[in-house]
Amino acid sequence: MDTLDLSRLQFAVVTIYHYFFVPLSISLAAITAGLQTAWLRTGREHLRSLTLFTGKLLMATFAVGVVTGLVQEFQFGLSWSAFSRFYGDVFGPTLAIEGMLAFFLEATFLGLWYFGWDRLPRLAHLATIWVVAIGTLISAYVILAANSFMQNPVAYRMDPQTGRAELSSFLELLTNPVTLVAFPHTIAGAFMAGGALVMAVGAWRAWRRPAGADGPAWRTLARAGAWVTLAGGAAAAVSGDVLGKVMTDVQPMKMAAAEALYVTETGAPFSLFAVGPLDGGEPFFSLDVPYLLSILATGDPNGTVHGITDLQAEYEQVYGAGSYVPWIPVAYWTFRLMIGTGVLATVAAAALLWLSRRGRVPGGDGGPHLTGRIAAAGGRLLLRSLPVLPTLPIAAGTFGWLFTETARQPWLAFGLFRTEDGVSPGLTEAEVVASLLGFGALYGILAVVWLRLVLHLARQDLTSRPSVAGDGGTRTPTPAAAPAY
C-alpha cells in the first residue's frame, strides 16, 4: 500500500470509529428528553429513573464522541492538507458553527442538566436536555452540509490564482439538495441506533435478567426503544428512497456501481444477490427483483438507468482520460448490507413489540398450539440475540457511509478535486502507519472503557434519584446532587 492507500485507510478507520458514537449521542439525547418530559407530565417515578439511566448512557457516549471527533478533525491537517487548502473556505464556516455553537451548546447544557437536578426549576431543567438534543441536530446538519458539498459541489467559486474553492453563499450550501435528504436519512438511522441500544438493555433486564421491582420499568424501556427503532427504520426507508433518486441525479455512477450495472438499461431490475465477473460480464447467478432498480433510481419502473461503461465514456469527455469507476464489489455489497442490517433491526423491533404486547413475556410459554410454540421459539431467539441487536443499526450506518464515500471515488469533491491530489505533500508511509497504530491503540482503550461503562450501568438497579427543584420532592444535598457512576 502506498501513501495514498494508507491515508485513505487511516481516514476510514478514524471516521468509522467516530461515527459509532455520533448516532448514539443524537438519539440518546432525544430519548432522554422524551423520557423526562413524560415523567414531568405523568409523575411516574420509574420514568425519572429511566431518564437518569439514558442520561448516563448519553454522558458516556458523548465523552467518547468528543475525543474521537477531535482526532477526526486532526486528520485533515495530518494526511489531507492539500485537500484542506482546496476545501477549507467551504468547510471552515460549517466546522466553526459545529464547534463554536453546536458543540459548546451541547456540552454546556449537558453539564447543566446533569448537575442541575436539585438546583434548577423543573421546567428550566427539562429545557436544558432539550437544548442538548437540538444542539446534536444542529451539529449533524452543518457537518452533513460540508459532506454534501463533496457529493454535489454547490455555492462556490474557483479562485483562478490559488485554485481554491471559495464559498459564495452559505445559505445555498445549507440548502444543497443532497443535504436536505441526507439529513432526515441520517437522523432516522441515528434513532434506530439509540432505540436498539435501549431496547436491548431494557429487554435484557426485563426478561433475560429479571430485576424484581424494577422489571416493569425495564419493560417500558425495552418497548420504548423498540418503538423508536421501528419508527427510525420506517423513516430511513422513506428518506433513503428519496436520497437514492437525488444520488442518481447528481452522481449517476454511484447508482450504477450499487448494482454493478455496466450497460444502460430501461426497466432495470435490482439484484438481491449476484455472483459474477468484475468486468461487466454476465453474472453466474443473480436473484433479481424486476424493475426495482429503475424505481429506486427514477421512481418509474420503466425509467432508464445509465450503465458504468457509458458513464465512463461520458466522464472521459468531460474530465479527461482516467478511470472514473469506483471499486464495484465494495459499492455493490455495502449497499446491500446497509439495507439488510437496517431491515433486520426494524424486524427485530417489530417482533419484540408483538411478542411483548399486553404484558406477554417474549420466549415464555406460548401454549399448546402451533402458533404459540412458534411465537415462544421466536421470543427465545430474540432474547438470545440481544447482544447483537444494537450493532445492527450501527452496522447499517457504517455500510451506508462506506458506500457513500467509496462509490464517489476517484473524487474527494465530485467533479472538482481528485482523491489522489488531496494527500499531504511529503507524507511518508511510515508516518501514516505510526499514526494509524497510535489511533488504533487509543480507540481500543476507548472501546473497552465505553463498553465497560455501558455494561456497568445496565447491571445497576433503578433506584430513587435526586429530585428537581420545584417538583415538590426532597432536595438532595451537595455533593450527592449529581447521580454518580
Protein backbone atom coordinates (compact mmCIF):
# COMPACT_ATOMS: atom_id res chain seq x y z
CA MET A 1 0.00 0.00 0.00
CA ASP A 2 1.34 3.43 -0.90
CA THR A 3 0.86 6.68 0.99
CA LEU A 4 -2.48 7.36 -0.68
CA ASP A 5 -3.91 3.94 0.20
CA LEU A 6 -2.64 4.13 3.79
CA SER A 7 -4.04 7.65 4.21
CA ARG A 8 -7.41 6.52 2.92
CA LEU A 9 -7.35 3.53 5.27
CA GLN A 10 -6.43 5.72 8.20
CA PHE A 11 -9.16 8.22 7.48
CA ALA A 12 -11.68 5.41 7.09
CA VAL A 13 -10.72 3.90 10.46
CA VAL A 14 -10.90 7.25 12.25
CA THR A 15 -14.18 8.28 10.64
CA ILE A 16 -15.96 4.96 11.06
CA TYR A 17 -14.94 4.67 14.70
CA HIS A 18 -16.08 8.22 15.42
CA TYR A 19 -19.39 7.53 13.74
CA PHE A 20 -20.10 4.64 16.12
CA PHE A 21 -20.84 7.25 18.79
CA VAL A 22 -22.40 10.09 16.79
CA PRO A 23 -25.81 8.47 16.10
CA LEU A 24 -25.99 7.18 19.68
CA SER A 25 -25.38 10.70 21.05
CA ILE A 26 -28.05 12.18 18.79
CA SER A 27 -30.70 9.62 19.64
CA LEU A 28 -29.91 9.21 23.36
CA ALA A 29 -30.23 12.97 23.85
CA ALA A 30 -33.71 12.93 22.31
CA ILE A 31 -34.75 9.75 24.16
CA THR A 32 -33.61 11.24 27.48
CA ALA A 33 -35.52 14.45 26.76
CA GLY A 34 -38.62 12.47 25.83
CA LEU A 35 -38.49 10.34 28.99
CA GLN A 36 -38.02 13.37 31.22
CA THR A 37 -40.93 15.14 29.52
CA ALA A 38 -43.11 12.06 30.08
CA TRP A 39 -42.06 11.92 33.74
CA LEU A 40 -42.93 15.56 34.37
CA ARG A 41 -46.29 15.14 32.64
CA THR A 42 -47.28 11.92 34.42
CA GLY A 43 -45.33 11.99 37.68
CA ARG A 44 -44.45 8.28 37.33
CA GLU A 45 -41.33 7.63 39.34
CA HIS A 46 -39.94 4.90 37.09
CA LEU A 47 -39.76 7.38 34.19
CA ARG A 48 -37.42 9.59 36.23
CA SER A 49 -35.19 6.59 36.90
CA LEU A 50 -35.17 5.71 33.20
CA THR A 51 -34.40 9.35 32.36
CA LEU A 52 -31.30 9.23 34.53
CA PHE A 53 -30.27 5.86 33.11
CA THR A 54 -30.42 7.00 29.48
CA GLY A 55 -28.80 10.28 30.50
CA LYS A 56 -25.83 8.38 31.90
CA LEU A 57 -25.55 6.42 28.66
CA LEU A 58 -25.56 9.76 26.85
CA MET A 59 -22.80 11.18 29.07
CA ALA A 60 -20.52 8.20 28.50
CA THR A 61 -21.17 8.19 24.74
CA PHE A 62 -20.82 11.95 24.37
CA ALA A 63 -17.42 11.91 26.12
CA VAL A 64 -16.01 9.25 23.78
CA GLY A 65 -17.52 11.03 20.78
CA VAL A 66 -15.70 14.25 21.74
CA VAL A 67 -12.31 12.51 21.86
CA THR A 68 -12.79 10.68 18.58
CA GLY A 69 -14.18 13.82 16.95
CA LEU A 70 -11.03 15.76 17.81
CA VAL A 71 -8.93 13.09 16.09
CA GLN A 72 -11.27 13.25 13.11
CA GLU A 73 -10.61 16.97 12.68
CA PHE A 74 -6.88 16.46 13.23
CA GLN A 75 -6.90 14.14 10.22
CA PHE A 76 -7.44 16.98 7.77
CA GLY A 77 -4.12 18.56 8.63
CA LEU A 78 -2.27 15.33 9.19
CA SER A 79 -2.82 13.42 5.95
CA TRP A 80 -5.04 15.62 3.79
CA SER A 81 -3.59 19.11 3.97
CA ALA A 82 -3.74 19.54 0.19
CA PHE A 83 -7.47 18.91 0.26
CA SER A 84 -7.82 21.18 3.29
CA ARG A 85 -6.27 24.04 1.32
CA PHE A 86 -8.68 23.44 -1.55
CA TYR A 87 -11.76 22.86 0.63
CA GLY A 88 -11.03 24.98 3.70
CA ASP A 89 -13.00 28.07 2.71
CA VAL A 90 -16.12 25.94 2.32
CA PHE A 91 -15.58 23.58 5.24
CA GLY A 92 -14.39 26.29 7.67
CA PRO A 93 -17.75 28.01 8.32
CA THR A 94 -19.57 24.72 8.87
CA LEU A 95 -16.84 23.47 11.22
CA ALA A 96 -16.94 26.77 13.13
CA ILE A 97 -20.69 26.51 13.62
CA GLU A 98 -20.43 22.88 14.66
CA GLY A 99 -17.60 23.54 17.12
CA MET A 100 -18.29 27.02 18.46
CA LEU A 101 -22.10 26.88 18.50
CA ALA A 102 -23.48 23.36 18.47
CA PHE A 103 -20.75 21.56 20.42
CA PHE A 104 -20.47 24.19 23.15
CA LEU A 105 -24.26 24.30 23.31
CA GLU A 106 -24.39 20.55 23.85
CA ALA A 107 -21.52 20.39 26.34
CA THR A 108 -22.68 23.37 28.42
CA PHE A 109 -26.29 22.36 28.71
CA LEU A 110 -25.47 18.69 29.25
CA GLY A 111 -23.45 19.79 32.27
CA LEU A 112 -26.33 21.99 33.45
CA TRP A 113 -28.70 19.06 33.08
CA TYR A 114 -26.51 16.60 34.94
CA PHE A 115 -25.56 18.83 37.85
CA GLY A 116 -28.81 20.80 37.97
CA TRP A 117 -31.16 18.13 39.31
CA ASP A 118 -31.51 19.78 42.74
CA ARG A 119 -30.73 23.34 41.66
CA LEU A 120 -32.93 24.23 38.69
CA PRO A 121 -36.72 24.56 38.49
CA ARG A 122 -38.19 21.54 36.77
CA LEU A 123 -39.14 23.27 33.51
CA ALA A 124 -35.77 25.01 33.26
CA HIS A 125 -34.08 21.70 33.97
CA LEU A 126 -36.16 20.00 31.27
CA ALA A 127 -35.22 22.77 28.84
CA THR A 128 -31.50 22.01 29.29
CA ILE A 129 -31.78 18.46 27.93
CA TRP A 130 -33.94 19.63 25.03
CA VAL A 131 -31.25 22.20 24.17
CA VAL A 132 -28.73 19.33 24.13
CA ALA A 133 -30.98 17.36 21.78
CA ILE A 134 -31.41 20.34 19.46
CA GLY A 135 -27.67 21.01 19.55
CA THR A 136 -26.92 17.49 18.32
CA LEU A 137 -29.24 18.08 15.36
CA ILE A 138 -27.51 21.36 14.51
CA SER A 139 -24.14 19.59 14.61
CA ALA A 140 -25.40 16.83 12.35
CA TYR A 141 -26.90 19.25 9.85
CA VAL A 142 -23.88 21.51 9.34
CA ILE A 143 -21.45 18.58 9.09
CA LEU A 144 -23.74 16.91 6.55
CA ALA A 145 -23.80 20.19 4.63
CA ALA A 146 -20.00 20.08 4.47
CA ASN A 147 -20.04 16.44 3.36
CA SER A 148 -22.77 17.09 0.80
CA PHE A 149 -20.50 19.60 -0.91
CA MET A 150 -18.18 16.66 -1.58
CA GLN A 151 -21.08 14.74 -3.11
CA ASN A 152 -22.61 17.65 -5.01
CA PRO A 153 -20.50 20.84 -5.03
CA VAL A 154 -22.65 23.97 -4.79
CA ALA A 155 -22.30 27.56 -3.59
CA TYR A 156 -18.66 28.01 -4.59
CA ARG A 157 -16.42 29.87 -7.00
CA MET A 158 -12.92 28.86 -8.01
CA ASP A 159 -10.06 31.26 -7.33
CA PRO A 160 -8.07 31.22 -10.60
CA GLN A 161 -4.83 32.14 -8.82
CA THR A 162 -4.86 29.74 -5.88
CA GLY A 163 -7.11 27.01 -7.29
CA ARG A 164 -9.14 27.04 -4.06
CA ALA A 165 -12.90 26.65 -3.84
CA GLU A 166 -14.35 29.74 -2.14
CA LEU A 167 -17.78 29.82 -0.55
CA SER A 168 -20.18 32.09 -2.42
CA SER A 169 -23.42 31.53 -0.48
CA PHE A 170 -23.69 29.92 2.94
CA LEU A 171 -27.46 29.62 2.57
CA GLU A 172 -27.08 27.79 -0.72
CA LEU A 173 -24.57 25.45 0.92
CA LEU A 174 -27.07 24.64 3.68
CA THR A 175 -29.85 24.01 1.15
CA ASN A 176 -27.85 21.66 -1.06
CA PRO A 177 -30.39 19.09 -2.35
CA VAL A 178 -28.16 16.29 -1.05
CA THR A 179 -28.13 17.83 2.44
CA LEU A 180 -31.89 18.22 2.52
CA VAL A 181 -32.45 14.50 2.00
CA ALA A 182 -29.29 13.14 3.68
CA PHE A 183 -30.17 14.84 6.97
CA PRO A 184 -33.50 13.08 7.65
CA HIS A 185 -31.99 9.80 6.44
CA THR A 186 -29.04 10.15 8.81
CA ILE A 187 -31.21 11.16 11.76
CA ALA A 188 -33.56 8.25 11.13
CA GLY A 189 -30.57 5.90 11.24
CA ALA A 190 -29.37 7.56 14.43
CA PHE A 191 -32.70 6.93 16.14
CA MET A 192 -32.54 3.31 15.06
CA ALA A 193 -29.13 3.03 16.77
CA GLY A 194 -30.16 4.61 20.07
CA GLY A 195 -33.50 2.83 20.09
CA ALA A 196 -31.86 -0.54 19.53
CA LEU A 197 -29.40 0.06 22.38
CA VAL A 198 -32.04 0.92 24.99
CA MET A 199 -34.34 -1.80 23.60
CA ALA A 200 -31.63 -4.43 24.08
CA VAL A 201 -30.70 -3.25 27.58
CA GLY A 202 -34.33 -3.00 28.67
CA ALA A 203 -35.22 -6.43 27.28
CA TRP A 204 -32.12 -8.00 28.85
CA ARG A 205 -33.01 -6.63 32.29
CA ALA A 206 -36.75 -7.26 32.00
CA TRP A 207 -36.75 -10.79 30.59
CA ARG A 208 -33.24 -12.25 30.43
CA ARG A 209 -32.16 -10.99 33.85
CA PRO A 210 -35.36 -10.15 35.78
CA ALA A 211 -34.87 -7.15 38.06
CA GLY A 212 -37.62 -7.62 40.66
CA ALA A 213 -39.43 -4.40 41.39
CA ASP A 214 -37.65 -2.68 38.50
CA GLY A 215 -38.98 -5.20 35.97
CA PRO A 216 -41.91 -3.08 34.74
CA ALA A 217 -39.61 -0.09 34.27
CA TRP A 218 -37.14 -2.09 32.19
CA ARG A 219 -40.06 -3.45 30.18
CA THR A 220 -41.17 0.12 29.50
CA LEU A 221 -37.66 0.98 28.32
CA ALA A 222 -37.49 -2.08 26.05
CA ARG A 223 -40.78 -1.30 24.36
CA ALA A 224 -39.97 2.43 24.08
CA GLY A 225 -36.66 1.56 22.43
CA ALA A 226 -38.42 -0.84 20.08
CA TRP A 227 -40.89 1.86 19.03
CA VAL A 228 -38.03 4.32 18.41
CA THR A 229 -36.18 1.71 16.34
CA LEU A 230 -39.28 0.82 14.36
CA ALA A 231 -40.12 4.47 13.64
CA GLY A 232 -36.49 5.16 12.69
CA GLY A 233 -36.47 2.19 10.33
CA ALA A 234 -39.63 3.36 8.58
CA ALA A 235 -38.27 6.90 8.25
CA ALA A 236 -34.92 5.59 6.98
CA ALA A 237 -36.68 3.58 4.27
CA VAL A 238 -38.73 6.55 3.05
CA SER A 239 -35.88 9.06 3.19
CA GLY A 240 -33.47 6.53 1.66
CA ASP A 241 -35.77 6.15 -1.33
CA VAL A 242 -35.71 9.92 -1.90
CA LEU A 243 -31.95 10.04 -1.35
CA GLY A 244 -31.43 7.34 -3.97
CA LYS A 245 -33.17 9.43 -6.59
CA VAL A 246 -31.19 12.55 -5.70
CA MET A 247 -27.99 10.49 -5.77
CA THR A 248 -28.85 9.20 -9.22
CA ASP A 249 -29.34 12.77 -10.41
CA VAL A 250 -26.06 14.19 -9.06
CA GLN A 251 -23.85 11.06 -9.15
CA PRO A 252 -25.25 8.55 -11.66
CA MET A 253 -22.05 6.48 -11.49
CA LYS A 254 -22.78 5.76 -7.80
CA MET A 255 -26.16 4.20 -8.54
CA ALA A 256 -24.70 2.20 -11.43
CA ALA A 257 -21.95 0.95 -9.11
CA ALA A 258 -24.53 -0.01 -6.47
CA GLU A 259 -25.99 -2.52 -8.95
CA ALA A 260 -22.78 -3.25 -10.90
CA LEU A 261 -24.77 -2.19 -13.94
CA TYR A 262 -22.38 -1.80 -16.86
CA VAL A 263 -24.88 -1.42 -19.71
CA THR A 264 -27.55 1.30 -19.76
CA GLU A 265 -30.90 -0.32 -19.21
CA THR A 266 -34.58 0.65 -19.22
CA GLY A 267 -36.78 -1.05 -16.66
CA ALA A 268 -33.65 -2.26 -14.85
CA PRO A 269 -34.00 -5.00 -12.21
CA PHE A 270 -32.35 -4.93 -8.79
CA SER A 271 -30.35 -7.98 -7.79
CA LEU A 272 -30.78 -9.08 -4.17
CA PHE A 273 -27.76 -11.32 -4.62
CA ALA A 274 -25.42 -11.90 -7.53
CA VAL A 275 -22.13 -13.64 -8.29
CA GLY A 276 -20.23 -12.79 -11.44
CA PRO A 277 -17.12 -11.31 -13.05
CA LEU A 278 -16.00 -7.77 -12.22
CA ASP A 279 -15.63 -6.66 -15.84
CA GLY A 280 -19.32 -6.37 -16.63
CA GLY A 281 -19.74 -9.89 -17.95
CA GLU A 282 -22.93 -11.90 -17.44
CA PRO A 283 -23.26 -12.98 -13.77
CA PHE A 284 -23.03 -16.66 -12.94
CA PHE A 285 -26.03 -16.34 -10.63
CA SER A 286 -28.39 -13.48 -9.85
CA LEU A 287 -31.60 -13.22 -7.82
CA ASP A 288 -33.38 -10.21 -9.31
CA VAL A 289 -36.45 -8.14 -8.50
CA PRO A 290 -37.82 -6.87 -11.84
CA TYR A 291 -37.90 -3.08 -12.41
CA LEU A 292 -36.79 -2.31 -8.83
CA LEU A 293 -33.54 -0.52 -9.75
CA SER A 294 -35.39 1.79 -12.12
CA ILE A 295 -37.92 2.52 -9.37
CA LEU A 296 -35.14 3.25 -6.84
CA ALA A 297 -33.24 5.44 -9.28
CA THR A 298 -36.01 7.30 -11.10
CA GLY A 299 -39.33 6.45 -9.47
CA ASP A 300 -40.52 4.96 -12.75
CA PRO A 301 -40.48 1.18 -13.34
CA ASN A 302 -39.64 1.91 -16.99
CA GLY A 303 -37.03 4.54 -16.16
CA THR A 304 -33.58 4.46 -17.74
CA VAL A 305 -30.55 3.80 -15.53
CA HIS A 306 -27.21 4.67 -17.11
CA GLY A 307 -24.55 1.98 -17.07
CA ILE A 308 -20.94 2.14 -15.92
CA THR A 309 -19.48 1.78 -19.43
CA ASP A 310 -21.49 4.67 -20.87
CA LEU A 311 -20.80 6.89 -17.87
CA GLN A 312 -17.06 6.17 -18.04
CA ALA A 313 -17.02 7.30 -21.67
CA GLU A 314 -19.01 10.42 -20.80
CA TYR A 315 -16.72 11.34 -17.89
CA GLU A 316 -13.63 10.92 -20.05
CA GLN A 317 -15.01 13.51 -22.43
CA VAL A 318 -15.79 15.93 -19.59
CA TYR A 319 -12.88 15.38 -17.19
CA GLY A 320 -10.17 13.88 -19.38
CA ALA A 321 -8.55 10.48 -19.56
CA GLY A 322 -8.58 8.22 -16.50
CA SER A 323 -10.74 5.73 -14.66
CA TYR A 324 -13.90 7.09 -13.04
CA VAL A 325 -15.23 3.71 -11.93
CA PRO A 326 -15.24 3.06 -8.16
CA TRP A 327 -14.42 -0.30 -6.60
CA ILE A 328 -17.51 -2.19 -7.74
CA PRO A 329 -17.55 -5.10 -5.21
CA VAL A 330 -17.39 -2.67 -2.28
CA ALA A 331 -20.16 -0.47 -3.72
CA TYR A 332 -22.35 -3.45 -4.57
CA TRP A 333 -22.12 -5.26 -1.25
CA THR A 334 -22.08 -2.28 1.12
CA PHE A 335 -25.30 -1.07 -0.48
CA ARG A 336 -26.99 -4.41 0.21
CA LEU A 337 -25.51 -4.84 3.66
CA MET A 338 -26.73 -1.36 4.58
CA ILE A 339 -30.27 -2.27 3.58
CA GLY A 340 -30.11 -5.79 5.06
CA THR A 341 -28.84 -4.88 8.52
CA GLY A 342 -31.28 -1.97 8.73
CA VAL A 343 -34.20 -4.22 7.83
CA LEU A 344 -33.09 -6.82 10.40
CA ALA A 345 -33.03 -4.20 13.16
CA THR A 346 -36.50 -2.98 12.18
CA VAL A 347 -37.90 -6.51 12.07
CA ALA A 348 -36.39 -7.29 15.49
CA ALA A 349 -38.04 -4.19 16.97
CA ALA A 350 -41.41 -5.11 15.46
CA ALA A 351 -41.04 -8.68 16.75
CA LEU A 352 -40.30 -7.51 20.28
CA LEU A 353 -43.33 -5.22 20.28
CA TRP A 354 -45.54 -8.06 19.06
CA LEU A 355 -44.17 -10.69 21.45
CA SER A 356 -44.38 -8.39 24.48
CA ARG A 357 -47.86 -6.98 23.79
CA ARG A 358 -50.44 -6.95 26.61
CA GLY A 359 -47.89 -7.88 29.22
CA ARG A 360 -46.64 -11.02 27.46
CA VAL A 361 -43.11 -12.27 28.08
CA PRO A 362 -41.06 -12.94 24.92
CA GLY A 363 -39.90 -16.54 24.94
CA GLY A 364 -42.44 -17.58 27.55
CA ASP A 365 -44.88 -20.47 27.33
CA GLY A 366 -46.80 -19.95 24.13
CA GLY A 367 -49.33 -22.66 24.80
CA PRO A 368 -50.01 -25.95 23.05
CA HIS A 369 -50.96 -24.51 19.66
CA LEU A 370 -48.50 -24.33 16.76
CA THR A 371 -48.64 -20.53 16.55
CA GLY A 372 -47.97 -20.29 20.28
CA ARG A 373 -44.98 -22.62 20.07
CA ILE A 374 -43.59 -20.68 17.09
CA ALA A 375 -44.02 -17.39 18.97
CA ALA A 376 -42.28 -18.83 22.04
CA ALA A 377 -39.36 -20.08 19.94
CA GLY A 378 -39.12 -16.72 18.17
CA GLY A 379 -39.12 -14.93 21.51
CA ARG A 380 -36.31 -17.09 22.85
CA LEU A 381 -34.28 -16.47 19.70
CA LEU A 382 -34.89 -12.74 20.03
CA LEU A 383 -33.75 -12.69 23.65
CA ARG A 384 -30.63 -14.69 22.87
CA SER A 385 -29.73 -12.22 20.12
CA LEU A 386 -29.94 -9.15 22.38
CA PRO A 387 -26.15 -8.55 22.44
CA VAL A 388 -26.18 -8.34 18.64
CA LEU A 389 -29.24 -6.11 18.18
CA PRO A 390 -27.57 -2.76 19.00
CA THR A 391 -24.86 -3.48 16.43
CA LEU A 392 -27.32 -3.85 13.53
CA PRO A 393 -28.24 -0.14 13.08
CA ILE A 394 -24.61 0.83 13.71
CA ALA A 395 -23.55 -1.62 11.00
CA ALA A 396 -26.22 -0.24 8.65
CA GLY A 397 -24.90 3.29 9.16
CA THR A 398 -21.31 2.16 8.69
CA PHE A 399 -22.08 0.32 5.46
CA GLY A 400 -24.07 3.33 4.28
CA TRP A 401 -21.14 5.69 4.77
CA LEU A 402 -18.72 3.22 3.20
CA PHE A 403 -20.95 3.13 0.15
CA THR A 404 -21.40 6.90 0.09
CA GLU A 405 -17.69 7.67 0.25
CA THR A 406 -16.11 4.81 -1.72
CA ALA A 407 -18.65 4.89 -4.57
CA ARG A 408 -17.80 8.58 -5.10
CA GLN A 409 -14.20 7.71 -6.00
CA PRO A 410 -11.95 8.84 -7.61
CA TRP A 411 -13.27 12.19 -6.35
CA LEU A 412 -12.95 13.91 -2.98
CA ALA A 413 -15.21 16.69 -4.25
CA PHE A 414 -17.18 15.25 -7.15
CA GLY A 415 -16.01 16.66 -10.47
CA LEU A 416 -13.67 19.18 -8.81
CA PHE A 417 -10.92 17.51 -6.81
CA ARG A 418 -9.46 14.02 -7.08
CA THR A 419 -8.58 11.90 -4.07
CA GLU A 420 -5.02 11.35 -5.25
CA ASP A 421 -4.43 15.12 -5.22
CA GLY A 422 -5.59 15.60 -1.63
CA VAL A 423 -2.81 13.84 0.31
CA SER A 424 -0.37 15.97 2.32
CA PRO A 425 2.84 16.60 0.34
CA GLY A 426 5.93 14.94 1.77
CA LEU A 427 3.93 12.46 3.84
CA THR A 428 5.61 9.05 4.12
CA GLU A 429 4.20 5.56 4.55
CA ALA A 430 6.00 5.19 7.88
CA GLU A 431 4.38 8.35 9.27
CA VAL A 432 0.91 7.20 8.29
CA VAL A 433 1.45 3.71 9.72
CA ALA A 434 2.79 5.12 13.00
CA SER A 435 -0.18 7.46 13.45
CA LEU A 436 -2.61 4.71 12.44
CA LEU A 437 -1.17 2.37 15.08
CA GLY A 438 -1.39 5.16 17.66
CA PHE A 439 -5.01 5.90 16.82
CA GLY A 440 -5.79 2.19 16.89
CA ALA A 441 -4.35 1.82 20.39
CA LEU A 442 -6.27 4.88 21.63
CA TYR A 443 -9.51 3.67 20.08
CA GLY A 444 -9.06 0.20 21.53
CA ILE A 445 -8.77 1.67 25.02
CA LEU A 446 -11.78 3.92 24.49
CA ALA A 447 -13.85 0.98 23.22
CA VAL A 448 -13.09 -1.04 26.35
CA VAL A 449 -13.85 1.91 28.65
CA TRP A 450 -17.13 2.75 26.93
CA LEU A 451 -18.33 -0.86 26.81
CA ARG A 452 -17.49 -1.43 30.47
CA LEU A 453 -19.37 1.73 31.41
CA VAL A 454 -22.45 0.67 29.45
CA LEU A 455 -22.41 -2.83 30.95
CA HIS A 456 -21.91 -1.40 34.43
CA LEU A 457 -24.88 0.92 34.01
CA ALA A 458 -27.02 -1.86 32.56
CA ARG A 459 -26.36 -4.12 35.56
CA GLN A 460 -27.34 -1.47 38.11
CA ASP A 461 -30.81 -1.46 39.61
CA LEU A 462 -33.05 1.54 39.09
CA THR A 463 -33.23 3.44 42.37
CA SER A 464 -34.64 6.73 43.56
CA ARG A 465 -32.65 9.65 42.22
CA PRO A 466 -32.30 13.33 43.12
CA SER A 467 -35.36 15.48 42.69
CA VAL A 468 -35.66 18.57 40.58
CA ALA A 469 -36.12 21.87 42.37
CA GLY A 470 -39.70 22.95 42.30
CA ASP A 471 -41.22 19.49 41.74
CA GLY A 472 -42.37 19.04 45.32
CA GLY A 473 -39.72 16.42 46.13
CA THR A 474 -36.94 16.44 48.64
CA ARG A 475 -33.75 18.15 47.66
CA THR A 476 -30.62 16.05 47.78
CA PRO A 477 -27.73 17.94 49.36
CA THR A 478 -24.45 18.51 47.60
CA PRO A 479 -22.26 16.59 46.75
CA ALA A 480 -24.82 13.84 46.12
CA ALA A 481 -26.79 16.12 43.84
CA ALA A 482 -25.38 14.55 40.69
CA PRO A 483 -26.06 10.83 40.31
CA ALA A 484 -22.72 9.02 40.38
CA TYR A 485 -21.47 6.18 38.25
